[in-house]
């Protein structure tokens, strides 16, 4: 089974479940690996970067749920930062 998204395609035993109202997660039904986070009716899939063999051309553009991160957790890249409330507002309400 293939699960399409704009920049990647997952093949194999991919399953989806509604993790919260308006959001779903995808995982491998054999090993349980997390494959993506997807706000339903949006064009985005949050895909763990570790799933890609070559990460050199993947830009790091945004951090979500920044208000829930540990205090000592930060990245050096300049990114767009969104709180959980901002993220949910954007992807629940367009």
N, C-alpha and C. Protein backbone atom coordinates (compact mmCIF):
# COMPACT_ATOMS: atom_id res chain seq x y z
N UNK A 1 0.85 -1.18 0.00
CA UNK A 1 0.00 0.00 0.00
C UNK A 1 0.89 1.24 0.00
N UNK A 2 0.58 2.20 -0.80
CA UNK A 2 1.33 3.45 -0.84
C UNK A 2 0.51 4.56 -0.20
N UNK A 3 1.15 5.36 0.61
CA UNK A 3 0.51 6.52 1.24
C UNK A 3 1.18 7.76 0.66
N UNK A 4 0.51 8.46 -0.27
CA UNK A 4 1.15 9.60 -0.90
C UNK A 4 1.16 10.84 -0.02
N UNK A 5 2.18 11.64 -0.19
CA UNK A 5 2.22 13.00 0.33
C UNK A 5 3.08 13.78 -0.65
N UNK A 6 3.24 15.04 -0.46
CA UNK A 6 3.88 15.88 -1.45
C UNK A 6 5.31 15.48 -1.76
N UNK A 7 6.11 15.14 -0.75
CA UNK A 7 7.53 14.91 -0.97
C UNK A 7 8.00 13.48 -0.69
N UNK A 8 7.10 12.59 -0.31
CA UNK A 8 7.52 11.23 0.01
C UNK A 8 6.37 10.27 -0.25
N UNK A 9 6.72 9.03 -0.44
CA UNK A 9 5.71 7.99 -0.60
C UNK A 9 6.13 6.82 0.27
N UNK A 10 5.21 6.36 1.07
CA UNK A 10 5.47 5.22 1.94
C UNK A 10 4.87 3.97 1.30
N UNK A 11 5.64 2.92 1.25
CA UNK A 11 5.13 1.66 0.72
C UNK A 11 5.30 0.59 1.78
N UNK A 12 4.39 -0.34 1.80
CA UNK A 12 4.46 -1.43 2.76
C UNK A 12 3.27 -1.39 3.70
N UNK A 13 3.41 -1.97 4.86
CA UNK A 13 2.29 -2.09 5.79
C UNK A 13 2.04 -0.81 6.60
N UNK A 14 1.68 0.26 5.91
CA UNK A 14 1.45 1.55 6.56
C UNK A 14 0.03 1.60 7.10
N UNK A 15 -0.10 2.00 8.33
CA UNK A 15 -1.40 2.17 8.96
C UNK A 15 -1.52 3.60 9.46
N UNK A 16 -2.74 4.10 9.52
CA UNK A 16 -3.02 5.44 10.04
C UNK A 16 -3.99 5.30 11.20
N UNK A 17 -3.88 6.21 12.15
CA UNK A 17 -4.89 6.28 13.21
C UNK A 17 -5.08 7.72 13.62
N UNK A 18 -6.27 8.05 14.07
CA UNK A 18 -6.58 9.39 14.53
C UNK A 18 -6.00 9.55 15.93
N UNK A 19 -4.95 10.35 16.04
CA UNK A 19 -4.28 10.52 17.33
C UNK A 19 -4.97 11.57 18.19
N UNK A 20 -5.64 12.51 17.58
CA UNK A 20 -6.46 13.50 18.26
C UNK A 20 -7.38 14.11 17.21
N UNK A 21 -8.34 14.86 17.64
CA UNK A 21 -9.32 15.41 16.72
C UNK A 21 -8.64 16.24 15.62
N UNK A 22 -8.77 15.79 14.37
CA UNK A 22 -8.21 16.51 13.24
C UNK A 22 -6.77 16.18 12.90
N UNK A 23 -6.18 15.24 13.64
CA UNK A 23 -4.78 14.87 13.40
C UNK A 23 -4.66 13.36 13.37
N UNK A 24 -3.78 12.87 12.50
CA UNK A 24 -3.54 11.44 12.45
C UNK A 24 -2.05 11.15 12.40
N UNK A 25 -1.72 9.94 12.74
CA UNK A 25 -0.33 9.46 12.69
C UNK A 25 -0.28 8.23 11.82
N UNK A 26 0.87 8.07 11.19
CA UNK A 26 1.10 6.88 10.38
C UNK A 26 2.23 6.08 10.99
N UNK A 27 2.11 4.76 10.91
CA UNK A 27 3.13 3.89 11.47
C UNK A 27 3.20 2.60 10.68
N UNK A 28 4.29 1.86 10.84
CA UNK A 28 4.45 0.55 10.22
C UNK A 28 3.72 -0.46 11.10
N UNK A 29 2.79 -1.20 10.51
CA UNK A 29 2.01 -2.15 11.30
C UNK A 29 2.79 -3.41 11.65
N UNK A 30 4.00 -3.57 11.12
CA UNK A 30 4.83 -4.72 11.45
C UNK A 30 5.75 -4.40 12.63
N UNK A 31 6.51 -3.30 12.52
CA UNK A 31 7.50 -3.00 13.57
C UNK A 31 7.07 -1.87 14.50
N UNK A 32 6.05 -1.11 14.11
CA UNK A 32 5.56 -0.02 14.94
C UNK A 32 6.28 1.30 14.77
N UNK A 33 7.22 1.39 13.83
CA UNK A 33 7.96 2.64 13.62
C UNK A 33 7.04 3.79 13.25
N UNK A 34 7.30 4.96 13.84
CA UNK A 34 6.57 6.17 13.52
C UNK A 34 6.97 6.63 12.13
N UNK A 35 6.00 6.88 11.26
CA UNK A 35 6.30 7.31 9.90
C UNK A 35 5.93 8.76 9.63
N UNK A 36 4.83 9.24 10.20
CA UNK A 36 4.46 10.63 9.96
C UNK A 36 3.37 11.09 10.93
N UNK A 37 3.26 12.40 11.01
CA UNK A 37 2.20 13.10 11.73
C UNK A 37 1.50 13.94 10.68
N UNK A 38 0.17 13.92 10.64
CA UNK A 38 -0.55 14.58 9.55
C UNK A 38 -1.79 15.31 10.06
N UNK A 39 -1.81 16.64 9.95
CA UNK A 39 -3.06 17.35 10.20
C UNK A 39 -4.02 17.04 9.04
N UNK A 40 -5.14 16.42 9.35
CA UNK A 40 -6.10 16.00 8.32
C UNK A 40 -6.55 17.22 7.52
N UNK A 41 -6.76 17.02 6.25
CA UNK A 41 -7.18 18.08 5.32
C UNK A 41 -6.13 19.16 5.12
N UNK A 42 -4.87 18.84 5.44
CA UNK A 42 -3.78 19.77 5.15
C UNK A 42 -2.88 19.10 4.12
N UNK A 43 -2.01 19.84 3.56
CA UNK A 43 -1.07 19.28 2.60
C UNK A 43 0.25 18.87 3.22
N UNK A 44 0.32 18.79 4.55
CA UNK A 44 1.61 18.49 5.15
C UNK A 44 1.61 17.15 5.87
N UNK A 45 2.79 16.56 5.89
CA UNK A 45 3.07 15.36 6.67
C UNK A 45 4.37 15.65 7.41
N UNK A 46 4.36 15.54 8.71
CA UNK A 46 5.58 15.69 9.50
C UNK A 46 6.28 14.35 9.52
N UNK A 47 7.40 14.26 8.85
CA UNK A 47 8.12 12.99 8.68
C UNK A 47 9.43 13.05 9.46
N UNK A 48 9.69 12.06 10.32
CA UNK A 48 10.97 12.06 11.05
C UNK A 48 12.15 12.05 10.08
N UNK A 49 13.08 12.95 10.29
CA UNK A 49 14.21 13.09 9.37
C UNK A 49 15.06 11.82 9.30
N UNK A 50 15.04 11.04 10.35
CA UNK A 50 15.81 9.80 10.37
C UNK A 50 15.35 8.76 9.36
N UNK A 51 14.19 8.94 8.77
CA UNK A 51 13.70 8.00 7.76
C UNK A 51 14.36 8.20 6.40
N UNK A 52 15.04 9.33 6.22
CA UNK A 52 15.65 9.63 4.93
C UNK A 52 17.12 9.23 4.94
N UNK A 53 17.56 8.54 3.88
CA UNK A 53 18.96 8.13 3.77
C UNK A 53 19.87 9.33 3.56
N UNK A 54 19.48 10.25 2.69
CA UNK A 54 20.30 11.43 2.39
C UNK A 54 19.57 12.66 2.90
N UNK A 55 20.09 13.25 3.96
CA UNK A 55 19.44 14.40 4.59
C UNK A 55 20.08 15.73 4.18
N UNK A 56 21.09 15.69 3.34
CA UNK A 56 21.86 16.89 3.03
C UNK A 56 21.04 17.97 2.32
N UNK A 57 20.02 17.60 1.58
CA UNK A 57 19.24 18.57 0.83
C UNK A 57 17.91 18.91 1.50
N UNK A 58 17.71 18.45 2.72
CA UNK A 58 16.44 18.71 3.41
C UNK A 58 16.57 19.93 4.30
N UNK A 59 15.83 20.98 3.99
CA UNK A 59 15.92 22.19 4.82
C UNK A 59 15.18 22.00 6.15
N UNK A 60 15.70 22.60 7.18
CA UNK A 60 15.07 22.58 8.49
C UNK A 60 14.40 23.94 8.64
N UNK A 61 13.08 23.98 8.47
CA UNK A 61 12.38 25.25 8.38
C UNK A 61 11.52 25.61 9.58
N UNK A 62 10.99 24.61 10.28
CA UNK A 62 10.02 24.94 11.33
C UNK A 62 10.09 23.98 12.50
N UNK A 63 9.74 24.51 13.67
CA UNK A 63 9.62 23.72 14.89
C UNK A 63 8.20 23.93 15.41
N UNK A 64 7.53 22.83 15.70
CA UNK A 64 6.17 22.88 16.21
C UNK A 64 6.13 22.49 17.68
N UNK A 65 5.13 22.99 18.39
CA UNK A 65 4.94 22.71 19.81
C UNK A 65 6.18 23.15 20.60
N UNK A 66 6.74 24.28 20.20
CA UNK A 66 7.96 24.81 20.81
C UNK A 66 7.77 25.08 22.30
N UNK A 67 6.56 25.34 22.71
CA UNK A 67 6.28 25.61 24.12
C UNK A 67 6.31 24.34 24.98
N UNK A 68 6.41 23.18 24.36
CA UNK A 68 6.43 21.92 25.09
C UNK A 68 7.81 21.27 25.10
N UNK A 69 8.80 21.94 24.54
CA UNK A 69 10.14 21.36 24.47
C UNK A 69 10.85 21.49 25.82
N UNK A 70 11.79 20.59 26.08
CA UNK A 70 12.60 20.73 27.31
C UNK A 70 13.43 22.01 27.26
N UNK A 71 13.71 22.60 28.40
CA UNK A 71 14.47 23.86 28.48
C UNK A 71 15.82 23.79 27.79
N UNK A 72 16.52 22.67 27.90
CA UNK A 72 17.87 22.56 27.35
C UNK A 72 17.89 22.03 25.92
N UNK A 73 16.77 22.03 25.26
CA UNK A 73 16.64 21.48 23.91
C UNK A 73 16.50 22.63 22.92
N UNK A 74 17.52 22.81 22.06
CA UNK A 74 17.42 23.88 21.07
C UNK A 74 18.27 23.55 19.85
N UNK A 75 17.91 24.14 18.74
CA UNK A 75 18.62 23.95 17.49
C UNK A 75 19.30 25.26 17.12
N UNK A 76 20.40 25.18 16.40
CA UNK A 76 21.12 26.39 16.02
C UNK A 76 20.54 27.03 14.77
N UNK A 77 19.78 26.30 13.97
CA UNK A 77 19.19 26.85 12.75
C UNK A 77 18.15 27.91 13.08
N UNK A 78 18.03 28.89 12.22
CA UNK A 78 16.96 29.87 12.34
C UNK A 78 15.71 29.25 11.73
N UNK A 79 14.70 28.99 12.56
CA UNK A 79 13.50 28.32 12.10
C UNK A 79 12.26 29.12 12.50
N UNK A 80 11.16 28.82 11.85
CA UNK A 80 9.87 29.35 12.28
C UNK A 80 9.45 28.51 13.48
N UNK A 81 9.09 29.14 14.55
CA UNK A 81 8.71 28.43 15.77
C UNK A 81 7.23 28.66 16.05
N UNK A 82 6.51 27.57 16.26
CA UNK A 82 5.08 27.65 16.54
C UNK A 82 4.76 26.93 17.84
N UNK A 83 3.96 27.55 18.68
CA UNK A 83 3.49 26.89 19.89
C UNK A 83 2.44 25.85 19.49
N UNK A 84 2.07 25.00 20.42
CA UNK A 84 1.02 24.03 20.16
C UNK A 84 -0.28 24.70 19.77
N UNK A 85 -0.61 25.79 20.46
CA UNK A 85 -1.84 26.52 20.16
C UNK A 85 -1.80 27.11 18.75
N UNK A 86 -0.66 27.69 18.36
CA UNK A 86 -0.52 28.26 17.01
C UNK A 86 -0.63 27.17 15.95
N UNK A 87 0.01 26.03 16.21
CA UNK A 87 -0.02 24.92 15.26
C UNK A 87 -1.46 24.42 15.07
N UNK A 88 -2.14 24.17 16.17
CA UNK A 88 -3.51 23.67 16.09
C UNK A 88 -4.44 24.68 15.42
N UNK A 89 -4.27 25.95 15.73
CA UNK A 89 -5.10 26.98 15.10
C UNK A 89 -4.88 27.00 13.59
N UNK A 90 -3.64 26.94 13.18
CA UNK A 90 -3.33 26.98 11.76
C UNK A 90 -3.89 25.77 11.01
N UNK A 91 -3.71 24.57 11.58
CA UNK A 91 -4.08 23.38 10.86
C UNK A 91 -5.48 22.85 11.16
N UNK A 92 -6.10 23.35 12.19
CA UNK A 92 -7.51 23.01 12.42
C UNK A 92 -8.43 24.00 11.72
N UNK A 93 -7.99 25.23 11.63
CA UNK A 93 -8.85 26.30 11.10
C UNK A 93 -8.40 26.84 9.75
N UNK A 94 -7.35 26.25 9.18
CA UNK A 94 -6.85 26.73 7.89
C UNK A 94 -5.95 27.85 8.08
